[in-house]
Amino acid sequence: MCHGSQDVSPCADGTDPYAAPKALGIFQTVNSDCPLQTADIISRIVANRLAYEERNRKKEAKEVAELTPHA
């Protein structure tokens, strides 16, 4: 079991999520030069999803405008 060199956040109840592997002596910290964290990935996914939805809204509005008879 390993974890990057970033800080480990405790569980909701305040316990160490890696307590069991640490107790078994199988937990290792791996030096990671990458600052990317799960929260960063989630933020990117959400931002890309919002951009995708906005792009599709614009496309749909354009299609509706093309299909609507002009006066």
PDB file of N, CA and C in Angstrom:
ATOM      1  N   MET A   1       0.857  -1.156   0.000  1.00  0.00           N
ATOM      2  CA  MET A   1       0.000   0.000   0.000  1.00  0.00           C
ATOM      3  C   MET A   1       0.898   1.212   0.000  1.00  0.00           C
ATOM      4  N   CYS A   2       0.613   2.139  -0.902  1.00  0.00           N
ATOM      5  CA  CYS A   2       1.437   3.346  -0.936  1.00  0.00           C
ATOM      6  C   CYS A   2       0.568   4.581  -1.148  1.00  0.00           C
ATOM      7  N   HIS A   3       1.150   5.711  -0.821  1.00  0.00           N
ATOM      8  CA  HIS A   3       0.484   6.996  -0.980  1.00  0.00           C
ATOM      9  C   HIS A   3       1.557   8.001  -1.351  1.00  0.00           C
ATOM     10  N   GLY A   4       1.180   8.992  -2.159  1.00  0.00           N
ATOM     11  CA  GLY A   4       2.122  10.038  -2.532  1.00  0.00           C
ATOM     12  C   GLY A   4       2.550  10.862  -1.337  1.00  0.00           C
ATOM     13  N   SER A   5       3.480  11.752  -1.568  1.00  0.00           N
ATOM     14  CA  SER A   5       4.032  12.542  -0.473  1.00  0.00           C
ATOM     15  C   SER A   5       3.103  13.666  -0.014  1.00  0.00           C
ATOM     16  N   GLN A   6       1.956  13.817  -0.659  1.00  0.00           N
ATOM     17  CA  GLN A   6       0.974  14.825  -0.233  1.00  0.00           C
ATOM     18  C   GLN A   6       0.375  14.410   1.108  1.00  0.00           C
ATOM     19  N   ASP A   7      -0.163  15.396   1.826  1.00  0.00           N
ATOM     20  CA  ASP A   7      -0.793  15.107   3.118  1.00  0.00           C
ATOM     21  C   ASP A   7      -1.992  14.182   2.941  1.00  0.00           C
ATOM     22  N   VAL A   8      -2.200  13.321   3.908  1.00  0.00           N
ATOM     23  CA  VAL A   8      -3.343  12.405   3.903  1.00  0.00           C
ATOM     24  C   VAL A   8      -4.463  13.050   4.724  1.00  0.00           C
ATOM     25  N   SER A   9      -5.614  13.190   4.098  1.00  0.00           N
ATOM     26  CA  SER A   9      -6.768  13.758   4.804  1.00  0.00           C
ATOM     27  C   SER A   9      -7.425  12.672   5.641  1.00  0.00           C
ATOM     28  N   PRO A  10      -7.824  13.002   6.860  1.00  0.00           N
ATOM     29  CA  PRO A  10      -8.494  12.003   7.694  1.00  0.00           C
ATOM     30  C   PRO A  10      -9.891  11.690   7.164  1.00  0.00           C
ATOM     31  N   CYS A  11     -10.423  10.550   7.577  1.00  0.00           N
ATOM     32  CA  CYS A  11     -11.787  10.162   7.234  1.00  0.00           C
ATOM     33  C   CYS A  11     -12.756  11.124   7.925  1.00  0.00           C
ATOM     34  N   ALA A  12     -14.027  11.041   7.570  1.00  0.00           N
ATOM     35  CA  ALA A  12     -15.046  11.912   8.160  1.00  0.00           C
ATOM     36  C   ALA A  12     -15.091  11.784   9.677  1.00  0.00           C
ATOM     37  N   ASP A  13     -14.786  10.597  10.186  1.00  0.00           N
ATOM     38  CA  ASP A  13     -14.818  10.390  11.636  1.00  0.00           C
ATOM     39  C   ASP A  13     -13.489  10.754  12.305  1.00  0.00           C
ATOM     40  N   GLY A  14     -12.548  11.306  11.521  1.00  0.00           N
ATOM     41  CA  GLY A  14     -11.274  11.753  12.073  1.00  0.00           C
ATOM     42  C   GLY A  14     -10.182  10.701  12.116  1.00  0.00           C
ATOM     43  N   THR A  15     -10.479   9.472  11.692  1.00  0.00           N
ATOM     44  CA  THR A  15      -9.478   8.412  11.738  1.00  0.00           C
ATOM     45  C   THR A  15      -8.580   8.454  10.506  1.00  0.00           C
ATOM     46  N   ASP A  16      -7.457   7.812  10.621  1.00  0.00           N
ATOM     47  CA  ASP A  16      -6.491   7.716   9.526  1.00  0.00           C
ATOM     48  C   ASP A  16      -6.979   6.654   8.534  1.00  0.00           C
ATOM     49  N   PRO A  17      -7.199   7.023   7.259  1.00  0.00           N
ATOM     50  CA  PRO A  17      -7.679   6.038   6.295  1.00  0.00           C
ATOM     51  C   PRO A  17      -6.663   4.926   6.008  1.00  0.00           C
ATOM     52  N   TYR A  18      -5.430   5.149   6.389  1.00  0.00           N
ATOM     53  CA  TYR A  18      -4.382   4.156   6.151  1.00  0.00           C
ATOM     54  C   TYR A  18      -3.929   3.471   7.441  1.00  0.00           C
ATOM     55  N   ALA A  19      -4.743   3.524   8.482  1.00  0.00           N
ATOM     56  CA  ALA A  19      -4.372   2.939   9.774  1.00  0.00           C
ATOM     57  C   ALA A  19      -4.099   1.441   9.663  1.00  0.00           C
ATOM     58  N   ALA A  20      -4.943   0.708   8.947  1.00  0.00           N
ATOM     59  CA  ALA A  20      -4.771  -0.750   8.838  1.00  0.00           C
ATOM     60  C   ALA A  20      -3.466  -1.123   8.134  1.00  0.00           C
ATOM     61  N   PRO A  21      -3.168  -0.581   6.940  1.00  0.00           N
ATOM     62  CA  PRO A  21      -1.899  -0.946   6.311  1.00  0.00           C
ATOM     63  C   PRO A  21      -0.688  -0.474   7.115  1.00  0.00           C
ATOM     64  N   LYS A  22      -0.836   0.653   7.817  1.00  0.00           N
ATOM     65  CA  LYS A  22       0.277   1.115   8.657  1.00  0.00           C
ATOM     66  C   LYS A  22       0.516   0.123   9.797  1.00  0.00           C
ATOM     67  N   ALA A  23      -0.563  -0.362  10.405  1.00  0.00           N
ATOM     68  CA  ALA A  23      -0.446  -1.323  11.505  1.00  0.00           C
ATOM     69  C   ALA A  23       0.190  -2.629  11.029  1.00  0.00           C
ATOM     70  N   LEU A  24      -0.080  -2.988   9.769  1.00  0.00           N
ATOM     71  CA  LEU A  24       0.497  -4.216   9.198  1.00  0.00           C
ATOM     72  C   LEU A  24       1.917  -4.009   8.686  1.00  0.00           C
ATOM     73  N   GLY A  25       2.367  -2.757   8.698  1.00  0.00           N
ATOM     74  CA  GLY A  25       3.714  -2.456   8.228  1.00  0.00           C
ATOM     75  C   GLY A  25       3.860  -2.509   6.721  1.00  0.00           C
ATOM     76  N   ILE A  26       2.758  -2.351   5.995  1.00  0.00           N
ATOM     77  CA  ILE A  26       2.825  -2.433   4.530  1.00  0.00           C
ATOM     78  C   ILE A  26       2.549  -1.080   3.861  1.00  0.00           C
ATOM     79  N   PHE A  27       2.509  -0.011   4.640  1.00  0.00           N
ATOM     80  CA  PHE A  27       2.256   1.327   4.091  1.00  0.00           C
ATOM     81  C   PHE A  27       3.583   1.981   3.759  1.00  0.00           C
ATOM     82  N   GLN A  28       3.668   2.543   2.559  1.00  0.00           N
ATOM     83  CA  GLN A  28       4.877   3.250   2.133  1.00  0.00           C
ATOM     84  C   GLN A  28       4.480   4.618   1.583  1.00  0.00           C
ATOM     85  N   THR A  29       5.289   5.616   1.864  1.00  0.00           N
ATOM     86  CA  THR A  29       5.100   6.929   1.262  1.00  0.00           C
ATOM     87  C   THR A  29       6.027   7.016   0.068  1.00  0.00           C
ATOM     88  N   VAL A  30       5.463   7.406  -1.058  1.00  0.00           N
ATOM     89  CA  VAL A  30       6.229   7.511  -2.299  1.00  0.00           C
ATOM     90  C   VAL A  30       6.445   8.985  -2.597  1.00  0.00           C
ATOM     91  N   ASN A  31       7.700   9.376  -2.811  1.00  0.00           N
ATOM     92  CA  ASN A  31       7.995  10.760  -3.132  1.00  0.00           C
ATOM     93  C   ASN A  31       7.440  11.073  -4.512  1.00  0.00           C
ATOM     94  N   SER A  32       6.565  12.031  -4.554  1.00  0.00           N
ATOM     95  CA  SER A  32       5.924  12.408  -5.804  1.00  0.00           C
ATOM     96  C   SER A  32       6.180  13.884  -6.076  1.00  0.00           C
ATOM     97  N   ASP A  33       6.740  14.177  -7.226  1.00  0.00           N
ATOM     98  CA  ASP A  33       6.992  15.565  -7.594  1.00  0.00           C
ATOM     99  C   ASP A  33       5.765  16.194  -8.257  1.00  0.00           C
ATOM    100  N   CYS A  34       4.759  15.383  -8.523  1.00  0.00           N
ATOM    101  CA  CYS A  34       3.549  15.863  -9.182  1.00  0.00           C
ATOM    102  C   CYS A  34       2.609  16.482  -8.144  1.00  0.00           C
ATOM    103  N   PRO A  35       2.258  17.753  -8.334  1.00  0.00           N
ATOM    104  CA  PRO A  35       1.362  18.405  -7.369  1.00  0.00           C
ATOM    105  C   PRO A  35      -0.119  18.083  -7.606  1.00  0.00           C
ATOM    106  N   LEU A  36      -0.432  17.336  -8.648  1.00  0.00           N
ATOM    107  CA  LEU A  36      -1.812  17.022  -8.997  1.00  0.00           C
ATOM    108  C   LEU A  36      -2.460  16.169  -7.910  1.00  0.00           C
ATOM    109  N   GLN A  37      -3.640  16.600  -7.477  1.00  0.00           N
ATOM    110  CA  GLN A  37      -4.379  15.873  -6.460  1.00  0.00           C
ATOM    111  C   GLN A  37      -5.762  15.527  -6.987  1.00  0.00           C
ATOM    112  N   THR A  38      -6.447  14.648  -6.295  1.00  0.00           N
ATOM    113  CA  THR A  38      -7.786  14.213  -6.701  1.00  0.00           C
ATOM    114  C   THR A  38      -8.712  15.407  -6.889  1.00  0.00           C
ATOM    115  N   ALA A  39      -8.653  16.366  -5.991  1.00  0.00           N
ATOM    116  CA  ALA A  39      -9.514  17.556  -6.094  1.00  0.00           C
ATOM    117  C   ALA A  39      -9.257  18.309  -7.392  1.00  0.00           C
ATOM    118  N   ASP A  40      -8.009  18.344  -7.845  1.00  0.00           N
ATOM    119  CA  ASP A  40      -7.674  19.006  -9.109  1.00  0.00           C
ATOM    120  C   ASP A  40      -8.320  18.281 -10.288  1.00  0.00           C
ATOM    121  N   ILE A  41      -8.271  16.968 -10.262  1.00  0.00           N
ATOM    122  CA  ILE A  41      -8.860  16.173 -11.328  1.00  0.00           C
ATOM    123  C   ILE A  41     -10.375  16.371 -11.359  1.00  0.00           C
ATOM    124  N   ILE A  42     -10.992  16.350 -10.186  1.00  0.00           N
ATOM    125  CA  ILE A  42     -12.440  16.546 -10.105  1.00  0.00           C
ATOM    126  C   ILE A  42     -12.814  17.932 -10.637  1.00  0.00           C
ATOM    127  N   SER A  43     -12.055  18.955 -10.274  1.00  0.00           N
ATOM    128  CA  SER A  43     -12.328  20.313 -10.757  1.00  0.00           C
ATOM    129  C   SER A  43     -12.241  20.378 -12.273  1.00  0.00           C
ATOM    130  N   ARG A  44     -11.266  19.715 -12.849  1.00  0.00           N
ATOM    131  CA  ARG A  44     -11.118  19.695 -14.309  1.00  0.00           C
ATOM    132  C   ARG A  44     -12.294  18.988 -14.970  1.00  0.00           C
ATOM    133  N   ILE A  45     -12.718  17.877 -14.392  1.00  0.00           N
ATOM    134  CA  ILE A  45     -13.858  17.128 -14.946  1.00  0.00           C
ATOM    135  C   ILE A  45     -15.106  17.996 -14.921  1.00  0.00           C
ATOM    136  N   VAL A  46     -15.363  18.656 -13.788  1.00  0.00           N
ATOM    137  CA  VAL A  46     -16.552  19.500 -13.660  1.00  0.00           C
ATOM    138  C   VAL A  46     -16.486  20.657 -14.655  1.00  0.00           C
ATOM    139  N   ALA A  47     -15.345  21.322 -14.749  1.00  0.00           N
ATOM    140  CA  ALA A  47     -15.202  22.449 -15.675  1.00  0.00           C
ATOM    141  C   ALA A  47     -15.409  22.005 -17.117  1.00  0.00           C
ATOM    142  N   ASN A  48     -14.830  20.861 -17.486  1.00  0.00           N
ATOM    143  CA  ASN A  48     -14.998  20.358 -18.849  1.00  0.00           C
ATOM    144  C   ASN A  48     -16.433  19.955 -19.114  1.00  0.00           C
ATOM    145  N   ARG A  49     -17.105  19.401 -18.120  1.00  0.00           N
ATOM    146  CA  ARG A  49     -18.509  19.016 -18.265  1.00  0.00           C
ATOM    147  C   ARG A  49     -19.372  20.262 -18.494  1.00  0.00           C
ATOM    148  N   LEU A  50     -19.132  21.315 -17.726  1.00  0.00           N
ATOM    149  CA  LEU A  50     -19.894  22.554 -17.879  1.00  0.00           C
ATOM    150  C   LEU A  50     -19.659  23.175 -19.260  1.00  0.00           C
ATOM    151  N   ALA A  51     -18.415  23.154 -19.724  1.00  0.00           N
ATOM    152  CA  ALA A  51     -18.095  23.682 -21.055  1.00  0.00           C
ATOM    153  C   ALA A  51     -18.785  22.850 -22.136  1.00  0.00           C
ATOM    154  N   TYR A  52     -18.794  21.549 -21.978  1.00  0.00           N
ATOM    155  CA  TYR A  52     -19.461  20.640 -22.918  1.00  0.00           C
ATOM    156  C   TYR A  52     -20.957  20.937 -22.972  1.00  0.00           C
ATOM    157  N   GLU A  53     -21.593  21.078 -21.800  1.00  0.00           N
ATOM    158  CA  GLU A  53     -23.027  21.361 -21.752  1.00  0.00           C
ATOM    159  C   GLU A  53     -23.348  22.708 -22.396  1.00  0.00           C
ATOM    160  N   GLU A  54     -22.530  23.726 -22.135  1.00  0.00           N
ATOM    161  CA  GLU A  54     -22.750  25.049 -22.727  1.00  0.00           C
ATOM    162  C   GLU A  54     -22.592  24.988 -24.248  1.00  0.00           C
ATOM    163  N   ARG A  55     -21.587  24.293 -24.714  1.00  0.00           N
ATOM    164  CA  ARG A  55     -21.364  24.145 -26.160  1.00  0.00           C
ATOM    165  C   ARG A  55     -22.563  23.462 -26.808  1.00  0.00           C
ATOM    166  N   ASN A  56     -23.101  22.429 -26.168  1.00  0.00           N
ATOM    167  CA  ASN A  56     -24.250  21.721 -26.721  1.00  0.00           C
ATOM    168  C   ASN A  56     -25.520  22.567 -26.677  1.00  0.00           C
ATOM    169  N   ARG A  57     -25.681  23.400 -25.642  1.00  0.00           N
ATOM    170  CA  ARG A  57     -26.830  24.312 -25.587  1.00  0.00           C
ATOM    171  C   ARG A  57     -26.804  25.271 -26.774  1.00  0.00           C
ATOM    172  N   LYS A  58     -25.613  25.802 -27.066  1.00  0.00           N
ATOM    173  CA  LYS A  58     -25.470  26.726 -28.194  1.00  0.00           C
ATOM    174  C   LYS A  58     -25.767  26.019 -29.515  1.00  0.00           C
ATOM    175  N   LYS A  59     -25.277  24.791 -29.673  1.00  0.00           N
ATOM    176  CA  LYS A  59     -25.539  24.027 -30.893  1.00  0.00           C
ATOM    177  C   LYS A  59     -27.033  23.760 -31.051  1.00  0.00           C
ATOM    178  N   GLU A  60     -27.677  23.379 -29.959  1.00  0.00           N
ATOM    179  CA  GLU A  60     -29.103  23.088 -30.003  1.00  0.00           C
ATOM    180  C   GLU A  60     -29.902  24.341 -30.364  1.00  0.00           C
ATOM    181  N   ALA A  61     -29.556  25.480 -29.779  1.00  0.00           N
ATOM    182  CA  ALA A  61     -30.248  26.731 -30.090  1.00  0.00           C
ATOM    183  C   ALA A  61     -30.075  27.079 -31.561  1.00  0.00           C
ATOM    184  N   LYS A  62     -28.897  26.847 -32.078  1.00  0.00           N
ATOM    185  CA  LYS A  62     -28.620  27.129 -33.487  1.00  0.00           C
ATOM    186  C   LYS A  62     -29.451  26.210 -34.386  1.00  0.00           C
ATOM    187  N   GLU A  63     -29.546  24.938 -34.032  1.00  0.00           N
ATOM    188  CA  GLU A  63     -30.340  23.984 -34.808  1.00  0.00           C
ATOM    189  C   GLU A  63     -31.821  24.343 -34.771  1.00  0.00           C
ATOM    190  N   VAL A  64     -32.307  24.713 -33.603  1.00  0.00           N
ATOM    191  CA  VAL A  64     -33.718  25.109 -33.467  1.00  0.00           C
ATOM    192  C   VAL A  64     -33.998  26.331 -34.328  1.00  0.00           C
ATOM    193  N   ALA A  65     -33.080  27.294 -34.313  1.00  0.00           N
ATOM    194  CA  ALA A  65     -33.240  28.507 -35.116  1.00  0.00           C
ATOM    195  C   ALA A  65     -33.278  28.170 -36.605  1.00  0.00           C
ATOM    196  N   GLU A  66     -32.499  27.200 -37.039  1.00  0.00           N
ATOM    197  CA  GLU A  66     -32.476  26.797 -38.455  1.00  0.00           C
ATOM    198  C   GLU A  66     -33.774  26.075 -38.832  1.00  0.00           C
ATOM    199  N   LEU A  67     -34.341  25.355 -37.902  1.00  0.00           N
ATOM    200  CA  LEU A  67     -35.562  24.596 -38.200  1.00  0.00           C
ATOM    201  C   LEU A  67     -36.848  25.409 -38.064  1.00  0.00           C
ATOM    202  N   THR A  68     -36.748  26.541 -37.376  1.00  0.00           N
ATOM    203  CA  THR A  68     -37.914  27.399 -37.161  1.00  0.00           C
ATOM    204  C   THR A  68     -38.170  28.215 -38.422  1.00  0.00           C
ATOM    205  N   PRO A  69     -39.416  28.161 -38.920  1.00  0.00           N
ATOM    206  CA  PRO A  69     -39.722  28.944 -40.127  1.00  0.00           C
ATOM    207  C   PRO A  69     -39.525  30.441 -39.884  1.00  0.00           C
ATOM    208  N   HIS A  70     -38.933  31.087 -40.848  1.00  0.00           N
ATOM    209  CA  HIS A  70     -38.681  32.535 -40.737  1.00  0.00           C
ATOM    210  C   HIS A  70     -39.888  33.285 -41.283  1.00  0.00           C
ATOM    211  N   ALA A  71     -40.226  34.389 -40.663  1.00  0.00           N
ATOM    212  CA  ALA A  71     -41.391  35.177 -41.095  1.00  0.00           C
ATOM    213  C   ALA A  71     -41.070  36.080 -42.252  1.00  0.00           C
TER     214      ALA A  71
END
